[in-house]
């Protein structure tokens, strides 16, 4: 019995030592970089439009699907910009316009469409037709 206790104590000591030395989080000789945040990242609200550059040099404008509505329900953009719709509801939604159509978006899914021609583009969620929005391209 005494032999088993000694082996158990040795195994416990080895595992404890491995757990204490396996992480360098507190080691000042090897600091970990913390990503910087911008005010756009830290102050987002349901109606905030975020406009980072897309790969073609235009901007991406965010529209949220939340509380069975598009937020914001109307956005003005320049030709060449992209609109990105993101579903935050637990129900599925889609985006249906004259010149564009998404698949069914589940919670967390997104759809993007780049607008290249000036005009007003009305759209709806075909599952919930009361959800309406407009993109105005200048």
Foldseek 3Di string as FASTA:
>chain_A
DVVVVVVVVVVVVVVVVCVVPVDCPVPPVDHDDDDDDDCCVVVDDQQDWDWDADPVRGTETEWECPPNEIRVQEDEGEAFYKYKYAYQDQDWWWKDWPPDTDDTHGHGDMDMDHGHDADKIKIATPVRRVHIHIYGYD
